[in-house]
Protein backbone atom coordinates (compact mmCIF):
# COMPACT_ATOMS: atom_id res chain seq x y z
CA SER A 1 83.19 88.69 123.26
CA GLY A 2 84.32 91.66 125.39
CA THR A 3 87.35 93.82 125.53
CA MET A 4 90.60 94.49 127.46
CA PHE A 5 92.36 97.43 128.85
CA GLY A 6 93.80 99.48 126.14
CA ASP A 7 90.96 98.95 123.61
CA PHE A 8 89.89 102.63 123.67
CA ASN A 9 87.70 102.57 120.63
CA LEU A 10 85.92 99.37 121.91
CA ASP A 11 86.21 97.46 118.66
CA GLY A 12 87.34 94.37 120.50
CA VAL A 13 90.90 94.60 119.35
CA VAL A 14 93.93 96.24 120.99
CA ASP A 15 95.94 97.55 117.87
CA LEU A 16 97.67 100.54 116.21
CA ILE A 17 94.44 102.44 116.32
CA ASP A 18 94.24 102.44 120.29
CA LEU A 19 98.07 103.17 120.32
CA GLY A 20 97.26 106.14 117.97
CA VAL A 21 94.65 107.43 120.52
CA VAL A 22 97.23 107.32 123.32
CA GLY A 23 99.78 109.07 121.06
CA ASP A 24 97.30 111.79 120.07
CA GLU A 25 96.04 112.48 123.69
CA TYR A 26 99.52 112.00 125.48
CA GLY A 27 99.63 114.53 128.25
CA LEU A 28 95.99 115.30 127.95
CA GLY A 29 93.01 113.04 128.09
CA THR A 30 89.94 112.93 130.51
CA GLY A 31 88.25 109.76 129.83
CA TRP A 32 88.42 106.13 128.39
CA ALA A 33 87.86 107.31 124.73
CA THR A 34 90.74 109.67 125.00
CA GLY A 35 93.22 107.06 126.13
CA ASP A 36 92.98 107.31 129.91
CA ALA A 37 92.87 103.68 130.80
CA ASN A 38 93.39 104.27 134.75
CA GLY A 39 90.95 107.17 135.07
CA ASP A 40 93.65 109.64 136.63
CA ALA A 41 92.48 112.30 133.99
CA LEU A 42 95.97 112.27 132.38
CA VAL A 43 97.20 110.04 129.46
CA ASP A 44 100.70 108.95 130.42
CA LEU A 45 103.08 105.95 130.45
CA ILE A 46 100.68 104.03 132.62
CA ASP A 47 98.12 104.26 129.92
CA LEU A 48 100.59 103.40 127.19
CA GLY A 49 101.45 100.32 129.25
CA ALA A 50 97.75 99.31 129.16
CA VAL A 51 98.05 99.16 125.26
CA GLY A 52 101.38 97.45 125.42
CA ASP A 53 100.36 94.79 127.91
CA ASN A 54 97.37 93.74 125.93
CA TYR A 55 98.49 94.64 122.42
CA GLY A 56 97.18 92.06 119.77
CA PHE A 57 94.20 91.07 122.08
CA THR A 58 91.13 90.08 119.77
CA ALA A 59 87.88 89.29 121.36
CA THR A 60 86.26 86.37 120.05
CA ALA A 61 82.45 85.80 119.36
CA PRO A 62 81.03 82.70 121.07
CA ILE A 63 80.40 79.83 118.65
CA PRO A 64 76.91 78.27 118.98
CA GLU A 65 76.76 74.59 119.92
CA PRO A 66 75.72 72.05 117.36
CA ALA A 67 72.44 71.22 119.04
CA THR A 68 71.49 74.89 119.12
CA MET A 69 72.12 75.07 115.30
CA THR A 70 69.96 71.93 114.83
CA LEU A 71 67.14 73.32 116.69
CA LEU A 72 67.17 76.44 114.70
CA ALA A 73 67.43 74.48 111.41
CA LEU A 74 64.33 72.45 112.51
CA GLY A 75 62.37 75.66 113.48
CA GLY A 76 63.21 77.24 110.15
CA ILE A 77 62.02 73.98 108.29
CA ALA A 78 58.77 73.92 110.37
CA LEU A 79 58.06 77.55 109.39
CA ILE A 80 58.70 76.91 105.74
CA ARG A 81 56.40 73.74 105.89
CA ARG A 82 53.67 75.80 107.59
CA ARG A 83 53.86 78.65 104.99
CA LYS A 84 53.10 76.03 102.23
């Protein structure tokens, strides 16, 4: 998973919410959560560019391998049999 520059609310997606953060704090901002992507204590066009460059990014969760799922299933079956 993870994130990209421009994901100011750290939800793993660069979208309209992040663009809104930049819009609300434009000319202000003193940190990542306020839309300051480059850390210069000012939300400006550079920070807007961070959203624009990565707009539409969506973090993906890792998919477990089939062997891992098989081992988990066998462990679950063993626990159920042990309970009985």
